[in-house]
N, C-alpha and C. Protein backbone atom coordinates (compact mmCIF):
# COMPACT_ATOMS: atom_id res chain seq x y z
N MET A 1 77.25 151.31 162.50
CA MET A 1 78.25 152.25 162.98
C MET A 1 78.09 152.43 164.49
N SER A 2 79.19 152.62 165.16
CA SER A 2 79.15 152.74 166.61
C SER A 2 78.76 154.15 167.05
N GLN A 3 78.35 154.22 168.31
CA GLN A 3 78.01 155.50 168.91
C GLN A 3 79.22 156.44 168.88
N LEU A 4 80.40 155.89 169.08
CA LEU A 4 81.62 156.70 169.05
C LEU A 4 81.81 157.36 167.69
N VAL A 5 81.70 156.60 166.63
CA VAL A 5 81.88 157.14 165.28
C VAL A 5 80.82 158.20 164.99
N ASP A 6 79.59 157.95 165.40
CA ASP A 6 78.52 158.94 165.21
C ASP A 6 78.83 160.24 165.94
N LYS A 7 79.38 160.15 167.15
CA LYS A 7 79.72 161.35 167.92
C LYS A 7 80.91 162.10 167.31
N ILE A 8 81.86 161.36 166.78
CA ILE A 8 83.03 162.00 166.15
C ILE A 8 82.60 162.78 164.92
N LYS A 9 81.64 162.26 164.17
CA LYS A 9 81.20 162.90 162.92
C LYS A 9 80.75 164.34 163.11
N VAL A 10 80.25 164.69 164.29
CA VAL A 10 79.72 166.04 164.51
C VAL A 10 80.71 166.97 165.21
N VAL A 11 81.93 166.51 165.45
CA VAL A 11 82.94 167.37 166.08
C VAL A 11 83.41 168.40 165.06
N GLN A 12 83.29 169.67 165.43
CA GLN A 12 83.72 170.74 164.53
C GLN A 12 85.24 170.86 164.56
N GLY A 13 85.82 171.20 163.44
CA GLY A 13 87.27 171.39 163.35
C GLY A 13 88.05 170.09 163.45
N LEU A 14 87.43 169.00 163.08
CA LEU A 14 88.05 167.68 163.18
C LEU A 14 89.07 167.47 162.07
N TYR A 15 90.25 167.00 162.46
CA TYR A 15 91.23 166.51 161.49
C TYR A 15 91.26 165.00 161.64
N SER A 16 91.22 164.30 160.53
CA SER A 16 91.33 162.84 160.61
C SER A 16 92.34 162.36 159.58
N GLY A 17 92.88 161.19 159.86
CA GLY A 17 93.82 160.57 158.94
C GLY A 17 93.10 159.69 157.95
N SER A 18 93.77 158.66 157.50
CA SER A 18 93.19 157.71 156.55
C SER A 18 92.61 156.53 157.30
N PRO A 19 91.49 156.01 156.85
CA PRO A 19 90.90 154.84 157.50
C PRO A 19 91.84 153.64 157.45
N ALA A 20 91.82 152.85 158.51
CA ALA A 20 92.60 151.61 158.56
C ALA A 20 91.73 150.46 158.05
N SER A 21 92.36 149.50 157.46
CA SER A 21 91.63 148.32 156.97
C SER A 21 91.43 147.33 158.12
N GLU A 22 90.54 146.39 157.91
CA GLU A 22 90.31 145.32 158.88
C GLU A 22 91.63 144.59 159.16
N GLN A 23 92.41 144.35 158.11
CA GLN A 23 93.69 143.64 158.27
C GLN A 23 94.68 144.47 159.09
N GLU A 24 94.73 145.77 158.85
CA GLU A 24 95.64 146.64 159.62
C GLU A 24 95.27 146.65 161.10
N VAL A 25 93.97 146.64 161.38
CA VAL A 25 93.51 146.58 162.77
C VAL A 25 93.93 145.26 163.40
N ALA A 26 93.74 144.17 162.69
CA ALA A 26 94.11 142.84 163.20
C ALA A 26 95.61 142.73 163.45
N VAL A 27 96.42 143.30 162.57
CA VAL A 27 97.88 143.29 162.75
C VAL A 27 98.25 144.09 163.99
N ALA A 28 97.62 145.24 164.19
CA ALA A 28 97.89 146.06 165.37
C ALA A 28 97.55 145.30 166.65
N GLU A 29 96.41 144.64 166.66
CA GLU A 29 96.02 143.84 167.83
C GLU A 29 97.04 142.73 168.08
N SER A 30 97.49 142.10 167.03
CA SER A 30 98.47 141.02 167.16
C SER A 30 99.79 141.54 167.73
N LYS A 31 100.25 142.68 167.24
CA LYS A 31 101.50 143.26 167.74
C LYS A 31 101.41 143.63 169.21
N LEU A 32 100.23 144.10 169.62
CA LEU A 32 100.04 144.50 171.02
C LEU A 32 99.58 143.34 171.90
N GLN A 33 99.21 142.23 171.28
CA GLN A 33 98.71 141.06 171.99
C GLN A 33 97.52 141.41 172.88
N LEU A 34 96.57 142.12 172.26
CA LEU A 34 95.32 142.45 172.93
C LEU A 34 94.24 142.63 171.88
N ILE A 35 93.02 142.74 172.33
CA ILE A 35 91.88 142.96 171.44
C ILE A 35 91.35 144.36 171.71
N PHE A 36 91.22 145.17 170.67
CA PHE A 36 90.62 146.49 170.82
C PHE A 36 89.12 146.36 171.05
N PRO A 37 88.52 147.28 171.80
CA PRO A 37 87.06 147.26 171.92
C PRO A 37 86.43 147.59 170.56
N ALA A 38 85.22 147.12 170.36
CA ALA A 38 84.53 147.30 169.07
C ALA A 38 84.46 148.76 168.66
N GLU A 39 84.17 149.67 169.60
CA GLU A 39 84.05 151.08 169.24
C GLU A 39 85.38 151.65 168.77
N TYR A 40 86.50 151.17 169.33
CA TYR A 40 87.81 151.65 168.89
C TYR A 40 88.15 151.10 167.51
N LYS A 41 87.79 149.85 167.25
CA LYS A 41 87.99 149.28 165.91
C LYS A 41 87.21 150.09 164.87
N ASP A 42 85.97 150.44 165.20
CA ASP A 42 85.16 151.26 164.28
C ASP A 42 85.82 152.60 164.02
N TYR A 43 86.35 153.22 165.08
CA TYR A 43 87.07 154.50 164.97
C TYR A 43 88.27 154.36 164.03
N LEU A 44 89.06 153.30 164.23
CA LEU A 44 90.24 153.09 163.38
C LEU A 44 89.85 152.90 161.92
N LYS A 45 88.79 152.15 161.67
CA LYS A 45 88.37 151.86 160.30
C LYS A 45 87.68 153.04 159.64
N GLU A 46 87.19 153.98 160.43
CA GLU A 46 86.54 155.16 159.86
C GLU A 46 87.52 156.33 159.71
N TYR A 47 88.41 156.52 160.71
CA TYR A 47 89.25 157.72 160.74
C TYR A 47 90.76 157.47 160.76
N GLY A 48 91.20 156.37 161.27
CA GLY A 48 92.63 156.13 161.45
C GLY A 48 93.15 156.82 162.69
N VAL A 49 93.23 158.13 162.67
CA VAL A 49 93.58 158.97 163.82
C VAL A 49 92.75 160.24 163.73
N ILE A 50 92.60 160.92 164.88
CA ILE A 50 91.89 162.20 164.86
C ILE A 50 92.58 163.20 165.79
N SER A 51 92.33 164.47 165.51
CA SER A 51 92.70 165.54 166.43
C SER A 51 91.67 166.66 166.28
N PHE A 52 91.47 167.35 167.39
CA PHE A 52 90.52 168.47 167.44
C PHE A 52 90.73 169.21 168.75
N TYR A 53 90.60 170.52 168.75
CA TYR A 53 90.69 171.35 169.96
C TYR A 53 91.90 171.03 170.83
N GLY A 54 93.03 170.68 170.26
CA GLY A 54 94.20 170.34 171.05
C GLY A 54 94.20 168.91 171.56
N THR A 55 93.20 168.15 171.21
CA THR A 55 93.12 166.73 171.56
C THR A 55 93.68 165.92 170.40
N GLU A 56 94.54 164.96 170.69
CA GLU A 56 95.12 164.11 169.65
C GLU A 56 95.01 162.66 170.10
N TRP A 57 94.11 161.92 169.47
CA TRP A 57 93.94 160.51 169.82
C TRP A 57 94.88 159.66 168.99
N ASN A 58 95.41 158.64 169.62
CA ASN A 58 96.23 157.66 168.91
C ASN A 58 95.36 156.78 168.03
N GLY A 59 95.98 156.23 167.00
CA GLY A 59 95.26 155.35 166.09
C GLY A 59 96.23 154.68 165.15
N LEU A 60 95.80 154.49 163.93
CA LEU A 60 96.61 153.86 162.89
C LEU A 60 96.68 154.77 161.67
N LYS A 61 97.73 154.61 160.90
CA LYS A 61 97.92 155.33 159.65
C LYS A 61 98.18 156.82 159.83
N GLY A 62 98.70 157.17 161.01
CA GLY A 62 99.11 158.55 161.26
C GLY A 62 100.62 158.59 161.37
N ASP A 63 101.13 159.54 162.12
CA ASP A 63 102.57 159.64 162.37
C ASP A 63 102.97 158.68 163.49
N THR A 64 104.25 158.43 163.62
CA THR A 64 104.74 157.51 164.66
C THR A 64 104.32 157.98 166.05
N TRP A 65 104.36 159.29 166.30
CA TRP A 65 104.06 159.80 167.63
C TRP A 65 102.60 159.62 168.04
N ASN A 66 101.70 159.34 167.09
CA ASN A 66 100.31 159.07 167.49
C ASN A 66 99.83 157.72 166.96
N ASP A 67 100.77 156.84 166.72
CA ASP A 67 100.44 155.48 166.31
C ASP A 67 100.22 154.64 167.57
N VAL A 68 99.06 154.03 167.68
CA VAL A 68 98.71 153.28 168.90
C VAL A 68 99.68 152.14 169.17
N VAL A 69 100.17 151.50 168.14
CA VAL A 69 101.11 150.39 168.34
C VAL A 69 102.46 150.92 168.80
N ALA A 70 103.02 151.88 168.08
CA ALA A 70 104.34 152.41 168.41
C ALA A 70 104.37 153.03 169.81
N THR A 71 103.36 153.83 170.14
CA THR A 71 103.36 154.50 171.44
C THR A 71 103.15 153.52 172.59
N THR A 72 102.27 152.56 172.39
CA THR A 72 102.01 151.58 173.45
C THR A 72 103.23 150.69 173.67
N LEU A 73 103.85 150.23 172.59
CA LEU A 73 105.05 149.40 172.74
C LEU A 73 106.19 150.20 173.40
N GLU A 74 106.31 151.47 173.04
CA GLU A 74 107.34 152.31 173.66
C GLU A 74 107.08 152.45 175.16
N ALA A 75 105.82 152.69 175.54
CA ALA A 75 105.49 152.81 176.97
C ALA A 75 105.77 151.51 177.71
N ARG A 76 105.48 150.39 177.09
CA ARG A 76 105.77 149.10 177.72
C ARG A 76 107.27 148.92 177.97
N SER A 77 108.09 149.46 177.07
CA SER A 77 109.54 149.33 177.26
C SER A 77 110.08 150.37 178.25
N LEU A 78 109.45 151.52 178.34
CA LEU A 78 109.91 152.58 179.24
C LEU A 78 109.48 152.38 180.69
N TYR A 79 108.26 151.89 180.88
CA TYR A 79 107.68 151.77 182.21
C TYR A 79 107.49 150.30 182.57
N GLU A 80 108.20 149.83 183.59
CA GLU A 80 108.09 148.44 184.04
C GLU A 80 106.65 148.04 184.34
N ASN A 81 105.92 148.96 184.92
CA ASN A 81 104.58 148.65 185.41
C ASN A 81 103.46 149.07 184.45
N PHE A 82 103.81 149.31 183.19
CA PHE A 82 102.76 149.67 182.23
C PHE A 82 101.88 148.44 181.99
N PRO A 83 100.56 148.59 182.08
CA PRO A 83 99.66 147.44 181.96
C PRO A 83 99.63 146.86 180.54
N LYS A 84 99.95 145.60 180.42
CA LYS A 84 100.03 144.92 179.12
C LYS A 84 98.67 144.76 178.46
N GLU A 85 97.60 144.83 179.24
CA GLU A 85 96.26 144.61 178.70
C GLU A 85 95.58 145.91 178.27
N LYS A 86 96.34 147.01 178.26
CA LYS A 86 95.76 148.30 177.87
C LYS A 86 96.60 148.92 176.76
N PHE A 87 95.99 149.88 176.05
CA PHE A 87 96.69 150.61 175.00
C PHE A 87 96.51 152.10 175.23
N ILE A 88 97.39 152.90 174.62
CA ILE A 88 97.35 154.35 174.81
C ILE A 88 96.36 154.96 173.82
N LEU A 89 95.32 155.54 174.37
CA LEU A 89 94.33 156.25 173.56
C LEU A 89 94.81 157.68 173.29
N GLU A 90 95.37 158.31 174.33
CA GLU A 90 95.83 159.70 174.18
C GLU A 90 96.99 159.95 175.13
N ASP A 91 98.00 160.63 174.63
CA ASP A 91 99.11 161.11 175.46
C ASP A 91 98.80 162.56 175.77
N LEU A 92 98.67 162.88 177.06
CA LEU A 92 98.30 164.25 177.44
C LEU A 92 99.47 165.22 177.35
N HIS A 93 100.67 164.72 177.08
CA HIS A 93 101.87 165.53 176.84
C HIS A 93 102.28 166.39 178.03
N PHE A 94 102.00 165.92 179.24
CA PHE A 94 102.57 166.57 180.41
C PHE A 94 102.67 165.57 181.55
N ASP A 95 103.76 165.64 182.27
CA ASP A 95 104.01 164.79 183.44
C ASP A 95 103.82 163.30 183.18
N ASP A 96 104.10 162.85 181.96
CA ASP A 96 103.95 161.42 181.62
C ASP A 96 102.54 160.89 181.90
N MET A 97 101.55 161.74 181.79
CA MET A 97 100.16 161.30 182.00
C MET A 97 99.60 160.78 180.69
N LEU A 98 99.04 159.57 180.76
CA LEU A 98 98.50 158.91 179.58
C LEU A 98 97.05 158.52 179.82
N VAL A 99 96.27 158.56 178.76
CA VAL A 99 94.90 158.05 178.81
C VAL A 99 94.93 156.69 178.13
N LEU A 100 94.54 155.67 178.87
CA LEU A 100 94.57 154.30 178.38
C LEU A 100 93.16 153.77 178.22
N ALA A 101 93.03 152.72 177.43
CA ALA A 101 91.75 152.01 177.30
C ALA A 101 92.05 150.51 177.32
N ASP A 102 91.02 149.75 177.70
CA ASP A 102 91.18 148.29 177.70
C ASP A 102 90.23 147.66 176.69
N SER A 103 90.22 146.36 176.63
CA SER A 103 89.42 145.67 175.62
C SER A 103 87.92 145.79 175.83
N THR A 104 87.50 146.23 177.01
CA THR A 104 86.07 146.44 177.25
C THR A 104 85.64 147.86 176.87
N GLY A 105 86.62 148.74 176.62
CA GLY A 105 86.32 150.12 176.27
C GLY A 105 86.41 151.08 177.44
N LYS A 106 86.69 150.55 178.64
CA LYS A 106 86.86 151.45 179.79
C LYS A 106 88.10 152.31 179.57
N VAL A 107 88.05 153.53 180.10
CA VAL A 107 89.13 154.50 179.90
C VAL A 107 89.73 154.86 181.26
N PHE A 108 91.06 154.94 181.28
CA PHE A 108 91.80 155.15 182.52
C PHE A 108 92.80 156.29 182.36
N LEU A 109 93.02 157.02 183.43
CA LEU A 109 94.12 157.98 183.49
C LEU A 109 95.27 157.26 184.18
N TRP A 110 96.44 157.24 183.55
CA TRP A 110 97.60 156.50 184.05
C TRP A 110 98.76 157.45 184.24
N HIS A 111 99.44 157.31 185.39
CA HIS A 111 100.63 158.12 185.65
C HIS A 111 101.60 157.30 186.50
N ASN A 112 102.72 156.94 185.91
CA ASN A 112 103.79 156.21 186.62
C ASN A 112 103.29 155.03 187.44
N GLY A 113 102.45 154.22 186.84
CA GLY A 113 101.99 153.00 187.50
C GLY A 113 100.69 153.12 188.25
N LEU A 114 100.23 154.32 188.46
CA LEU A 114 98.95 154.52 189.14
C LEU A 114 97.90 154.79 188.08
N GLU A 115 96.78 154.09 188.19
CA GLU A 115 95.72 154.33 187.22
C GLU A 115 94.38 154.46 187.91
N LYS A 116 93.52 155.24 187.27
CA LYS A 116 92.18 155.47 187.80
C LYS A 116 91.21 155.41 186.63
N GLU A 117 90.14 154.65 186.79
CA GLU A 117 89.12 154.61 185.74
C GLU A 117 88.42 155.96 185.70
N ILE A 118 88.35 156.56 184.51
CA ILE A 118 87.73 157.87 184.38
C ILE A 118 86.47 157.86 183.52
N HIS A 119 86.30 156.84 182.69
CA HIS A 119 85.09 156.72 181.86
C HIS A 119 84.80 155.25 181.60
N SER A 120 83.53 154.96 181.45
CA SER A 120 83.11 153.57 181.20
C SER A 120 83.18 153.20 179.73
N SER A 121 83.39 154.21 178.86
CA SER A 121 83.49 153.95 177.42
C SER A 121 84.32 155.03 176.75
N ILE A 122 84.83 154.71 175.58
CA ILE A 122 85.59 155.68 174.81
C ILE A 122 84.66 156.79 174.32
N ALA A 123 83.42 156.44 173.99
CA ALA A 123 82.45 157.46 173.56
C ALA A 123 82.20 158.47 174.66
N SER A 124 82.14 158.01 175.89
CA SER A 124 81.96 158.91 177.03
C SER A 124 83.19 159.81 177.19
N TYR A 125 84.38 159.26 177.01
CA TYR A 125 85.60 160.06 177.09
C TYR A 125 85.63 161.12 175.99
N LEU A 126 85.12 160.79 174.82
CA LEU A 126 85.06 161.77 173.73
C LEU A 126 84.30 163.02 174.17
N GLU A 127 83.21 162.83 174.91
CA GLU A 127 82.43 163.98 175.38
C GLU A 127 83.28 164.90 176.24
N GLU A 128 84.11 164.32 177.10
CA GLU A 128 85.02 165.14 177.92
C GLU A 128 86.00 165.90 177.03
N CYS A 129 86.54 165.23 176.03
CA CYS A 129 87.49 165.87 175.13
C CYS A 129 86.86 167.03 174.36
N VAL A 130 85.64 166.84 173.90
CA VAL A 130 84.93 167.90 173.16
C VAL A 130 84.67 169.08 174.08
N ALA A 131 84.38 168.82 175.35
CA ALA A 131 84.11 169.90 176.31
C ALA A 131 85.35 170.76 176.57
N ARG A 132 86.54 170.27 176.26
CA ARG A 132 87.76 171.05 176.45
C ARG A 132 87.77 172.31 175.59
N LYS A 133 87.01 172.31 174.53
CA LYS A 133 86.96 173.47 173.63
C LYS A 133 86.57 174.72 174.39
N ASP A 134 85.68 174.55 175.35
CA ASP A 134 85.18 175.70 176.10
C ASP A 134 85.98 176.00 177.36
N THR A 135 87.09 175.27 177.57
CA THR A 135 87.92 175.48 178.75
C THR A 135 89.00 176.51 178.41
N PRO A 136 89.07 177.57 179.23
CA PRO A 136 90.09 178.60 178.95
C PRO A 136 91.49 178.09 179.13
């Protein structure tokens, strides 16, 4: 099990969806024409999607609005400059700000074509999300 899955297990107030199968993960990668990082694949196969403390991560087997394939494909059609090699991990739901990840697991904040690396791994980004609980 990945470090990410281990960290998610201890998040209080966690809502999760249904686990995705290996085949469902492979189909999602094929539709997006990219490879998910190993820790994200583990997350999908363990939880499908998650939400906690107002944080809602995209994944598989949830609703359309938090489906990683549907949201990423929609962003690719809406934004000319959306990076084809990245997927939407989280939609922050304000000012079109998106949290993206790439196949290495690096995490980026993206806004209208401008992106900035904010974490070296999805597990590291999870720590930031968990810390939001204590933010007024």
